[in-house]
PDB file of N, CA and C in Angstrom:
ATOM      1  N   UNK A   1       0.824  -1.198   0.000  1.00  0.00           N
ATOM      2  CA  UNK A   1       0.000   0.000   0.000  1.00  0.00           C
ATOM      3  C   UNK A   1       0.867   1.262   0.000  1.00  0.00           C
ATOM      4  N   UNK A   2       1.890   1.289   0.833  1.00  0.00           N
ATOM      5  CA  UNK A   2       2.781   2.439   0.905  1.00  0.00           C
ATOM      6  C   UNK A   2       3.503   2.634  -0.420  1.00  0.00           C
ATOM      7  N   UNK A   3       3.872   1.541  -1.062  1.00  0.00           N
ATOM      8  CA  UNK A   3       4.557   1.621  -2.351  1.00  0.00           C
ATOM      9  C   UNK A   3       3.650   2.258  -3.391  1.00  0.00           C
ATOM     10  N   UNK A   4       2.371   1.906  -3.384  1.00  0.00           N
ATOM     11  CA  UNK A   4       1.417   2.488  -4.329  1.00  0.00           C
ATOM     12  C   UNK A   4       1.268   4.002  -4.117  1.00  0.00           C
ATOM     13  N   UNK A   5       1.165   4.405  -2.885  1.00  0.00           N
ATOM     14  CA  UNK A   5       1.023   5.820  -2.570  1.00  0.00           C
ATOM     15  C   UNK A   5       2.279   6.575  -2.997  1.00  0.00           C
ATOM     16  N   UNK A   6       3.439   6.008  -2.710  1.00  0.00           N
ATOM     17  CA  UNK A   6       4.696   6.633  -3.098  1.00  0.00           C
ATOM     18  C   UNK A   6       4.808   6.733  -4.619  1.00  0.00           C
ATOM     19  N   UNK A   7       4.407   5.683  -5.311  1.00  0.00           N
ATOM     20  CA  UNK A   7       4.441   5.677  -6.778  1.00  0.00           C
ATOM     21  C   UNK A   7       3.493   6.741  -7.342  1.00  0.00           C
ATOM     22  N   UNK A   8       2.291   6.830  -6.786  1.00  0.00           N
ATOM     23  CA  UNK A   8       1.320   7.824  -7.242  1.00  0.00           C
ATOM     24  C   UNK A   8       1.836   9.237  -6.987  1.00  0.00           C
ATOM     25  N   UNK A   9       2.441   9.458  -5.851  1.00  0.00           N
ATOM     26  CA  UNK A   9       2.983  10.787  -5.534  1.00  0.00           C
ATOM     27  C   UNK A   9       4.121  11.145  -6.491  1.00  0.00           C
ATOM     28  N   UNK A  10       4.944  10.162  -6.835  1.00  0.00           N
ATOM     29  CA  UNK A  10       6.043  10.387  -7.775  1.00  0.00           C
ATOM     30  C   UNK A  10       5.504  10.774  -9.143  1.00  0.00           C
ATOM     31  N   UNK A  11       4.484  10.073  -9.605  1.00  0.00           N
ATOM     32  CA  UNK A  11       3.875  10.396 -10.897  1.00  0.00           C
ATOM     33  C   UNK A  11       3.265  11.796 -10.883  1.00  0.00           C
ATOM     34  N   UNK A  12       2.594  12.134  -9.811  1.00  0.00           N
ATOM     35  CA  UNK A  12       1.979  13.457  -9.690  1.00  0.00           C
ATOM     36  C   UNK A  12       3.036  14.556  -9.736  1.00  0.00           C
ATOM     37  N   UNK A  13       4.124  14.369  -9.036  1.00  0.00           N
ATOM     38  CA  UNK A  13       5.201  15.368  -9.041  1.00  0.00           C
ATOM     39  C   UNK A  13       5.838  15.478 -10.414  1.00  0.00           C
ATOM     40  N   UNK A  14       6.047  14.354 -11.080  1.00  0.00           N
ATOM     41  CA  UNK A  14       6.662  14.373 -12.407  1.00  0.00           C
ATOM     42  C   UNK A  14       5.772  15.096 -13.401  1.00  0.00           C
ATOM     43  N   UNK A  15       4.464  14.846 -13.360  1.00  0.00           N
ATOM     44  CA  UNK A  15       3.582  15.520 -14.303  1.00  0.00           C
ATOM     45  C   UNK A  15       3.442  17.000 -13.954  1.00  0.00           C
ATOM     46  N   UNK A  16       3.520  17.358 -12.687  1.00  0.00           N
ATOM     47  CA  UNK A  16       3.484  18.774 -12.294  1.00  0.00           C
ATOM     48  C   UNK A  16       4.716  19.505 -12.800  1.00  0.00           C
ATOM     49  N   UNK A  17       5.875  18.869 -12.713  1.00  0.00           N
ATOM     50  CA  UNK A  17       7.114  19.480 -13.209  1.00  0.00           C
ATOM     51  C   UNK A  17       7.048  19.652 -14.715  1.00  0.00           C
ATOM     52  N   UNK A  18       6.515  18.654 -15.391  1.00  0.00           N
ATOM     53  CA  UNK A  18       6.384  18.729 -16.847  1.00  0.00           C
ATOM     54  C   UNK A  18       5.416  19.834 -17.236  1.00  0.00           C
ATOM     55  N   UNK A  19       4.311  19.951 -16.528  1.00  0.00           N
ATOM     56  CA  UNK A  19       3.326  21.004 -16.797  1.00  0.00           C
ATOM     57  C   UNK A  19       3.924  22.382 -16.554  1.00  0.00           C
ATOM     58  N   UNK A  20       4.683  22.525 -15.484  1.00  0.00           N
ATOM     59  CA  UNK A  20       5.318  23.811 -15.188  1.00  0.00           C
ATOM     60  C   UNK A  20       6.304  24.179 -16.283  1.00  0.00           C
ATOM     61  N   UNK A  21       7.057  23.191 -16.777  1.00  0.00           N
ATOM     62  CA  UNK A  21       8.007  23.460 -17.851  1.00  0.00           C
ATOM     63  C   UNK A  21       7.270  23.859 -19.120  1.00  0.00           C
ATOM     64  N   UNK A  22       6.199  23.125 -19.459  1.00  0.00           N
ATOM     65  CA  UNK A  22       5.411  23.453 -20.645  1.00  0.00           C
ATOM     66  C   UNK A  22       4.825  24.859 -20.526  1.00  0.00           C
ATOM     67  N   UNK A  23       4.321  25.207 -19.345  1.00  0.00           N
ATOM     68  CA  UNK A  23       3.735  26.533 -19.141  1.00  0.00           C
ATOM     69  C   UNK A  23       4.805  27.615 -19.270  1.00  0.00           C
ATOM     70  N   UNK A  24       5.990  27.332 -18.791  1.00  0.00           N
ATOM     71  CA  UNK A  24       7.090  28.287 -18.907  1.00  0.00           C
ATOM     72  C   UNK A  24       7.464  28.498 -20.373  1.00  0.00           C
ATOM     73  N   UNK A  25       7.495  27.428 -21.133  1.00  0.00           N
ATOM     74  CA  UNK A  25       7.785  27.526 -22.566  1.00  0.00           C
ATOM     75  C   UNK A  25       6.689  28.321 -23.262  1.00  0.00           C
ATOM     76  N   UNK A  26       5.446  27.994 -22.969  1.00  0.00           N
ATOM     77  CA  UNK A  26       4.316  28.698 -23.593  1.00  0.00           C
ATOM     78  C   UNK A  26       4.332  30.174 -23.223  1.00  0.00           C
ATOM     79  N   UNK A  27       4.641  30.487 -21.974  1.00  0.00           N
ATOM     80  CA  UNK A  27       4.700  31.883 -21.537  1.00  0.00           C
ATOM     81  C   UNK A  27       5.797  32.634 -22.295  1.00  0.00           C
ATOM     82  N   UNK A  28       6.926  31.976 -22.525  1.00  0.00           N
ATOM     83  CA  UNK A  28       8.004  32.582 -23.292  1.00  0.00           C
ATOM     84  C   UNK A  28       7.606  32.830 -24.737  1.00  0.00           C
ATOM     85  N   UNK A  29       6.928  31.858 -25.335  1.00  0.00           N
ATOM     86  CA  UNK A  29       6.444  32.026 -26.705  1.00  0.00           C
ATOM     87  C   UNK A  29       5.413  33.149 -26.773  1.00  0.00           C
ATOM     88  N   UNK A  30       4.534  33.193 -25.791  1.00  0.00           N
ATOM     89  CA  UNK A  30       3.463  34.193 -25.773  1.00  0.00           C
ATOM     90  C   UNK A  30       3.997  35.603 -25.580  1.00  0.00           C
ATOM     91  N   UNK A  31       5.145  35.734 -24.956  1.00  0.00           N
ATOM     92  CA  UNK A  31       5.724  37.061 -24.747  1.00  0.00           C
ATOM     93  C   UNK A  31       5.988  37.759 -26.074  1.00  0.00           C
ATOM     94  N   UNK A  32       6.269  36.996 -27.113  1.00  0.00           N
ATOM     95  CA  UNK A  32       6.523  37.604 -28.419  1.00  0.00           C
ATOM     96  C   UNK A  32       5.244  38.162 -29.034  1.00  0.00           C
ATOM     97  N   UNK A  33       4.104  37.733 -28.561  1.00  0.00           N
ATOM     98  CA  UNK A  33       2.821  38.203 -29.086  1.00  0.00           C
ATOM     99  C   UNK A  33       2.389  39.522 -28.450  1.00  0.00           C
ATOM    100  N   UNK A  34       3.007  39.842 -27.314  1.00  0.00           N
ATOM    101  CA  UNK A  34       2.583  41.016 -26.531  1.00  0.00           C
ATOM    102  C   UNK A  34       2.743  42.336 -27.276  1.00  0.00           C
ATOM    103  N   UNK A  35       3.706  42.422 -28.170  1.00  0.00           N
ATOM    104  CA  UNK A  35       3.906  43.678 -28.902  1.00  0.00           C
ATOM    105  C   UNK A  35       2.638  44.132 -29.610  1.00  0.00           C
ATOM    106  N   UNK A  36       1.922  43.206 -30.187  1.00  0.00           N
ATOM    107  CA  UNK A  36       0.694  43.563 -30.919  1.00  0.00           C
ATOM    108  C   UNK A  36      -0.574  43.211 -30.149  1.00  0.00           C
ATOM    109  N   UNK A  37      -0.568  42.055 -29.489  1.00  0.00           N
ATOM    110  CA  UNK A  37      -1.787  41.540 -28.857  1.00  0.00           C
ATOM    111  C   UNK A  37      -1.893  41.890 -27.381  1.00  0.00           C
ATOM    112  N   UNK A  38      -0.944  42.646 -26.846  1.00  0.00           N
ATOM    113  CA  UNK A  38      -1.006  43.091 -25.462  1.00  0.00           C
ATOM    114  C   UNK A  38      -0.480  42.075 -24.467  1.00  0.00           C
ATOM    115  N   UNK A  39      -0.213  42.562 -23.268  1.00  0.00           N
ATOM    116  CA  UNK A  39       0.272  41.713 -22.188  1.00  0.00           C
ATOM    117  C   UNK A  39      -0.750  40.627 -21.889  1.00  0.00           C
ATOM    118  N   UNK A  40      -0.253  39.404 -21.823  1.00  0.00           N
ATOM    119  CA  UNK A  40      -1.113  38.239 -21.541  1.00  0.00           C
ATOM    120  C   UNK A  40      -2.246  38.079 -22.556  1.00  0.00           C
ATOM    121  N   UNK A  41      -2.076  38.668 -23.742  1.00  0.00           N
ATOM    122  CA  UNK A  41      -3.077  38.515 -24.794  1.00  0.00           C
ATOM    123  C   UNK A  41      -4.260  39.449 -24.704  1.00  0.00           C
ATOM    124  N   UNK A  42      -4.147  40.493 -23.879  1.00  0.00           N
ATOM    125  CA  UNK A  42      -5.226  41.480 -23.730  1.00  0.00           C
ATOM    126  C   UNK A  42      -4.904  42.704 -24.587  1.00  0.00           C
ATOM    127  N   UNK A  43      -5.452  42.740 -25.779  1.00  0.00           N
ATOM    128  CA  UNK A  43      -5.189  43.835 -26.707  1.00  0.00           C
ATOM    129  C   UNK A  43      -5.756  45.144 -26.176  1.00  0.00           C
ATOM    130  N   UNK A  44      -5.074  46.233 -26.508  1.00  0.00           N
ATOM    131  CA  UNK A  44      -5.541  47.542 -26.073  1.00  0.00           C
ATOM    132  C   UNK A  44      -6.165  48.328 -27.225  1.00  0.00           C
ATOM    133  N   UNK A  45      -6.236  47.731 -28.399  1.00  0.00           N
ATOM    134  CA  UNK A  45      -6.857  48.389 -29.544  1.00  0.00           C
ATOM    135  C   UNK A  45      -7.902  47.473 -30.176  1.00  0.00           C
ATOM    136  N   UNK A  46      -8.821  48.052 -30.893  1.00  0.00           N
ATOM    137  CA  UNK A  46      -9.845  47.263 -31.578  1.00  0.00           C
ATOM    138  C   UNK A  46      -9.316  46.605 -32.842  1.00  0.00           C
ATOM    139  N   UNK A  47      -8.245  47.153 -33.376  1.00  0.00           N
ATOM    140  CA  UNK A  47      -7.703  46.648 -34.632  1.00  0.00           C
ATOM    141  C   UNK A  47      -6.989  45.308 -34.474  1.00  0.00           C
ATOM    142  N   UNK A  48      -6.538  45.007 -33.254  1.00  0.00           N
ATOM    143  CA  UNK A  48      -5.797  43.765 -32.999  1.00  0.00           C
ATOM    144  C   UNK A  48      -6.610  42.909 -32.038  1.00  0.00           C
ATOM    145  N   UNK A  49      -6.765  41.646 -32.398  1.00  0.00           N
ATOM    146  CA  UNK A  49      -7.590  40.731 -31.600  1.00  0.00           C
ATOM    147  C   UNK A  49      -7.000  40.474 -30.218  1.00  0.00           C
ATOM    148  N   UNK A  50      -7.887  40.369 -29.236  1.00  0.00           N
ATOM    149  CA  UNK A  50      -7.499  39.901 -27.911  1.00  0.00           C
ATOM    150  C   UNK A  50      -7.440  38.384 -27.974  1.00  0.00           C
ATOM    151  N   UNK A  51      -6.304  37.817 -27.590  1.00  0.00           N
ATOM    152  CA  UNK A  51      -6.131  36.366 -27.648  1.00  0.00           C
ATOM    153  C   UNK A  51      -6.579  35.691 -26.362  1.00  0.00           C
ATOM    154  N   UNK A  52      -6.508  36.401 -25.244  1.00  0.00           N
ATOM    155  CA  UNK A  52      -6.870  35.825 -23.949  1.00  0.00           C
ATOM    156  C   UNK A  52      -8.323  35.358 -23.963  1.00  0.00           C
ATOM    157  N   UNK A  53      -8.516  34.097 -23.592  1.00  0.00           N
ATOM    158  CA  UNK A  53      -9.863  33.548 -23.501  1.00  0.00           C
ATOM    159  C   UNK A  53     -10.438  33.003 -24.801  1.00  0.00           C
ATOM    160  N   UNK A  54      -9.720  33.162 -25.918  1.00  0.00           N
ATOM    161  CA  UNK A  54     -10.209  32.572 -27.180  1.00  0.00           C
ATOM    162  C   UNK A  54     -10.138  31.052 -27.081  1.00  0.00           C
ATOM    163  N   UNK A  55     -11.015  30.393 -27.806  1.00  0.00           N
ATOM    164  CA  UNK A  55     -10.982  28.926 -27.836  1.00  0.00           C
ATOM    165  C   UNK A  55      -9.678  28.440 -28.452  1.00  0.00           C
ATOM    166  N   UNK A  56      -9.097  27.436 -27.843  1.00  0.00           N
ATOM    167  CA  UNK A  56      -7.828  26.869 -28.319  1.00  0.00           C
ATOM    168  C   UNK A  56      -7.926  26.448 -29.778  1.00  0.00           C
ATOM    169  N   UNK A  57      -8.994  25.755 -30.123  1.00  0.00           N
ATOM    170  CA  UNK A  57      -9.152  25.240 -31.491  1.00  0.00           C
ATOM    171  C   UNK A  57      -9.182  26.383 -32.510  1.00  0.00           C
ATOM    172  N   UNK A  58      -9.804  27.483 -32.132  1.00  0.00           N
ATOM    173  CA  UNK A  58      -9.882  28.630 -33.034  1.00  0.00           C
ATOM    174  C   UNK A  58      -8.493  29.237 -33.247  1.00  0.00           C
ATOM    175  N   UNK A  59      -7.745  29.407 -32.168  1.00  0.00           N
ATOM    176  CA  UNK A  59      -6.401  29.970 -32.289  1.00  0.00           C
ATOM    177  C   UNK A  59      -5.535  29.068 -33.163  1.00  0.00           C
ATOM    178  N   UNK A  60      -5.609  27.771 -32.925  1.00  0.00           N
ATOM    179  CA  UNK A  60      -4.809  26.821 -33.720  1.00  0.00           C
ATOM    180  C   UNK A  60      -5.184  26.922 -35.194  1.00  0.00           C
ATOM    181  N   UNK A  61      -6.470  26.923 -35.490  1.00  0.00           N
ATOM    182  CA  UNK A  61      -6.887  26.964 -36.901  1.00  0.00           C
ATOM    183  C   UNK A  61      -6.454  28.259 -37.574  1.00  0.00           C
ATOM    184  N   UNK A  62      -6.544  29.377 -36.853  1.00  0.00           N
ATOM    185  CA  UNK A  62      -6.151  30.656 -37.443  1.00  0.00           C
ATOM    186  C   UNK A  62      -4.636  30.740 -37.638  1.00  0.00           C
ATOM    187  N   UNK A  63      -3.878  30.261 -36.658  1.00  0.00           N
ATOM    188  CA  UNK A  63      -2.416  30.267 -36.796  1.00  0.00           C
ATOM    189  C   UNK A  63      -1.970  29.386 -37.961  1.00  0.00           C
ATOM    190  N   UNK A  64      -2.616  28.246 -38.123  1.00  0.00           N
ATOM    191  CA  UNK A  64      -2.264  27.367 -39.242  1.00  0.00           C
ATOM    192  C   UNK A  64      -2.667  27.988 -40.578  1.00  0.00           C
ATOM    193  N   UNK A  65      -3.771  28.716 -40.584  1.00  0.00           N
ATOM    194  CA  UNK A  65      -4.187  29.420 -41.808  1.00  0.00           C
ATOM    195  C   UNK A  65      -3.201  30.532 -42.154  1.00  0.00           C
ATOM    196  N   UNK A  66      -2.713  31.242 -41.142  1.00  0.00           N
ATOM    197  CA  UNK A  66      -1.668  32.238 -41.385  1.00  0.00           C
ATOM    198  C   UNK A  66      -0.418  31.559 -41.923  1.00  0.00           C
ATOM    199  N   UNK A  67      -0.066  30.449 -41.292  1.00  0.00           N
ATOM    200  CA  UNK A  67       1.166  29.742 -41.630  1.00  0.00           C
ATOM    201  C   UNK A  67       1.157  29.228 -43.068  1.00  0.00           C
ATOM    202  N   UNK A  68       0.013  28.670 -43.503  1.00  0.00           N
ATOM    203  CA  UNK A  68      -0.033  28.129 -44.867  1.00  0.00           C
ATOM    204  C   UNK A  68      -0.487  29.153 -45.914  1.00  0.00           C
ATOM    205  N   UNK A  69      -0.775  30.373 -45.452  1.00  0.00           N
ATOM    206  CA  UNK A  69      -1.098  31.450 -46.377  1.00  0.00           C
ATOM    207  C   UNK A  69      -2.548  31.535 -46.805  1.00  0.00           C
ATOM    208  N   UNK A  70      -3.424  30.714 -46.218  1.00  0.00           N
ATOM    209  CA  UNK A  70      -4.833  30.761 -46.609  1.00  0.00           C
ATOM    210  C   UNK A  70      -5.592  31.900 -45.937  1.00  0.00           C
ATOM    211  N   UNK A  71      -5.030  32.466 -44.883  1.00  0.00           N
ATOM    212  CA  UNK A  71      -5.634  33.656 -44.264  1.00  0.00           C
ATOM    213  C   UNK A  71      -4.702  34.830 -44.523  1.00  0.00           C
ATOM    214  N   UNK A  72      -5.188  35.852 -45.208  1.00  0.00           N
ATOM    215  CA  UNK A  72      -4.342  37.017 -45.486  1.00  0.00           C
ATOM    216  C   UNK A  72      -3.985  37.768 -44.205  1.00  0.00           C
ATOM    217  N   UNK A  73      -2.812  38.368 -44.225  1.00  0.00           N
ATOM    218  CA  UNK A  73      -2.349  39.119 -43.057  1.00  0.00           C
ATOM    219  C   UNK A  73      -1.265  40.101 -43.468  1.00  0.00           C
ATOM    220  N   UNK A  74      -1.000  41.031 -42.571  1.00  0.00           N
ATOM    221  CA  UNK A  74       0.105  41.957 -42.832  1.00  0.00           C
ATOM    222  C   UNK A  74       1.429  41.338 -42.396  1.00  0.00           C
ATOM    223  N   UNK A  75       1.494  40.864 -41.148  1.00  0.00           N
ATOM    224  CA  UNK A  75       2.725  40.241 -40.669  1.00  0.00           C
ATOM    225  C   UNK A  75       2.526  38.840 -40.092  1.00  0.00           C
ATOM    226  N   UNK A  76       1.301  38.501 -39.737  1.00  0.00           N
ATOM    227  CA  UNK A  76       1.071  37.218 -39.069  1.00  0.00           C
ATOM    228  C   UNK A  76       1.473  36.015 -39.920  1.00  0.00           C
ATOM    229  N   UNK A  77       1.325  36.098 -41.221  1.00  0.00           N
ATOM    230  CA  UNK A  77       1.702  34.950 -42.043  1.00  0.00           C
ATOM    231  C   UNK A  77       3.208  34.692 -41.947  1.00  0.00           C
ATOM    232  N   UNK A  78       4.003  35.738 -41.810  1.00  0.00           N
ATOM    233  CA  UNK A  78       5.450  35.561 -41.645  1.00  0.00           C
ATOM    234  C   UNK A  78       5.786  35.055 -40.239  1.00  0.00           C
ATOM    235  N   UNK A  79       5.122  35.600 -39.233  1.00  0.00           N
ATOM    236  CA  UNK A  79       5.385  35.178 -37.856  1.00  0.00           C
ATOM    237  C   UNK A  79       4.971  33.724 -37.638  1.00  0.00           C
ATOM    238  N   UNK A  80       3.826  33.346 -38.165  1.00  0.00           N
ATOM    239  CA  UNK A  80       3.306  31.993 -37.955  1.00  0.00           C
ATOM    240  C   UNK A  80       4.223  30.933 -38.553  1.00  0.00           C
ATOM    241  N   UNK A  81       4.900  31.265 -39.625  1.00  0.00           N
ATOM    242  CA  UNK A  81       5.826  30.307 -40.244  1.00  0.00           C
ATOM    243  C   UNK A  81       6.974  29.937 -39.319  1.00  0.00           C
ATOM    244  N   UNK A  82       7.240  30.768 -38.334  1.00  0.00           N
ATOM    245  CA  UNK A  82       8.326  30.508 -37.398  1.00  0.00           C
ATOM    246  C   UNK A  82       7.972  29.553 -36.274  1.00  0.00           C
ATOM    247  N   UNK A  83       6.713  29.156 -36.187  1.00  0.00           N
ATOM    248  CA  UNK A  83       6.272  28.260 -35.115  1.00  0.00           C
ATOM    249  C   UNK A  83       6.030  26.858 -35.631  1.00  0.00           C
ATOM    250  N   UNK A  84       6.413  25.865 -34.832  1.00  0.00           N
ATOM    251  CA  UNK A  84       6.074  24.472 -35.145  1.00  0.00           C
ATOM    252  C   UNK A  84       4.611  24.252 -34.764  1.00  0.00           C
ATOM    253  N   UNK A  85       4.042  23.155 -35.230  1.00  0.00           N
ATOM    254  CA  UNK A  85       2.667  22.836 -34.841  1.00  0.00           C
ATOM    255  C   UNK A  85       2.552  22.663 -33.328  1.00  0.00           C
ATOM    256  N   UNK A  86       3.571  22.086 -32.703  1.00  0.00           N
ATOM    257  CA  UNK A  86       3.551  21.908 -31.253  1.00  0.00           C
ATOM    258  C   UNK A  86       3.573  23.266 -30.545  1.00  0.00           C
ATOM    259  N   UNK A  87       4.366  24.195 -31.032  1.00  0.00           N
ATOM    260  CA  UNK A  87       4.409  25.524 -30.431  1.00  0.00           C
ATOM    261  C   UNK A  87       3.085  26.253 -30.604  1.00  0.00           C
ATOM    262  N   UNK A  88       2.447  26.076 -31.755  1.00  0.00           N
ATOM    263  CA  UNK A  88       1.121  26.678 -31.979  1.00  0.00           C
ATOM    264  C   UNK A  88       0.132  26.114 -30.971  1.00  0.00           C
ATOM    265  N   UNK A  89       0.173  24.810 -30.749  1.00  0.00           N
ATOM    266  CA  UNK A  89      -0.715  24.179 -29.756  1.00  0.00           C
ATOM    267  C   UNK A  89      -0.452  24.747 -28.366  1.00  0.00           C
ATOM    268  N   UNK A  90       0.832  24.926 -28.018  1.00  0.00           N
ATOM    269  CA  UNK A  90       1.179  25.468 -26.703  1.00  0.00           C
ATOM    270  C   UNK A  90       0.686  26.907 -26.545  1.00  0.00           C
ATOM    271  N   UNK A  91       0.905  27.708 -27.575  1.00  0.00           N
ATOM    272  CA  UNK A  91       0.424  29.091 -27.534  1.00  0.00           C
ATOM    273  C   UNK A  91      -1.086  29.145 -27.388  1.00  0.00           C
ATOM    274  N   UNK A  92      -1.770  28.339 -28.167  1.00  0.00           N
ATOM    275  CA  UNK A  92      -3.232  28.327 -28.139  1.00  0.00           C
ATOM    276  C   UNK A  92      -3.754  27.920 -26.768  1.00  0.00           C
ATOM    277  N   UNK A  93      -3.161  26.903 -26.194  1.00  0.00           N
ATOM    278  CA  UNK A  93      -3.577  26.458 -24.852  1.00  0.00           C
ATOM    279  C   UNK A  93      -3.309  27.548 -23.821  1.00  0.00           C
ATOM    280  N   UNK A  94      -2.176  28.205 -23.950  1.00  0.00           N
ATOM    281  CA  UNK A  94      -1.808  29.271 -23.011  1.00  0.00           C
ATOM    282  C   UNK A  94      -2.827  30.404 -23.046  1.00  0.00           C
ATOM    283  N   UNK A  95      -3.123  30.898 -24.256  1.00  0.00           N
ATOM    284  CA  UNK A  95      -4.052  32.017 -24.354  1.00  0.00           C
ATOM    285  C   UNK A  95      -5.494  31.606 -24.027  1.00  0.00           C
ATOM    286  N   UNK A  96      -5.866  30.392 -24.383  1.00  0.00           N
ATOM    287  CA  UNK A  96      -7.226  29.916 -24.065  1.00  0.00           C
ATOM    288  C   UNK A  96      -7.462  29.860 -22.554  1.00  0.00           C
ATOM    289  N   UNK A  97      -6.416  29.595 -21.803  1.00  0.00           N
ATOM    290  CA  UNK A  97      -6.536  29.497 -20.354  1.00  0.00           C
ATOM    291  C   UNK A  97      -6.606  30.850 -19.663  1.00  0.00           C
ATOM    292  N   UNK A  98      -6.273  31.916 -20.383  1.00  0.00           N
ATOM    293  CA  UNK A  98      -6.309  33.267 -19.803  1.00  0.00           C
ATOM    294  C   UNK A  98      -7.739  33.804 -19.798  1.00  0.00           C
ATOM    295  N   UNK A  99      -8.026  34.621 -18.812  1.00  0.00           N
ATOM    296  CA  UNK A  99      -9.357  35.232 -18.729  1.00  0.00           C
ATOM    297  C   UNK A  99      -9.287  36.688 -19.048  1.00  0.00           C
TER     298      UNK A  99
END
């Protein structure tokens, strides 16, 4: 019984460390968005979308559309090309979790 509890606690700590690392990576990626989309994804202008609180799936689909050129943009199509699909997923999850 003690071994099971110890094993479960070890797994919980390992996944917490992994989540913290992923969140740190996502926060670093998201910092590059602040120039246009505001701190933590809260835009201060109507011309630029607020990313905080958007659905993850929507952010992913729009970033991929920018990346493949199917959604016109001024600079986003160039910026999106610099992200891997995994980074897009991380960014989307990060901003979706913001209120």
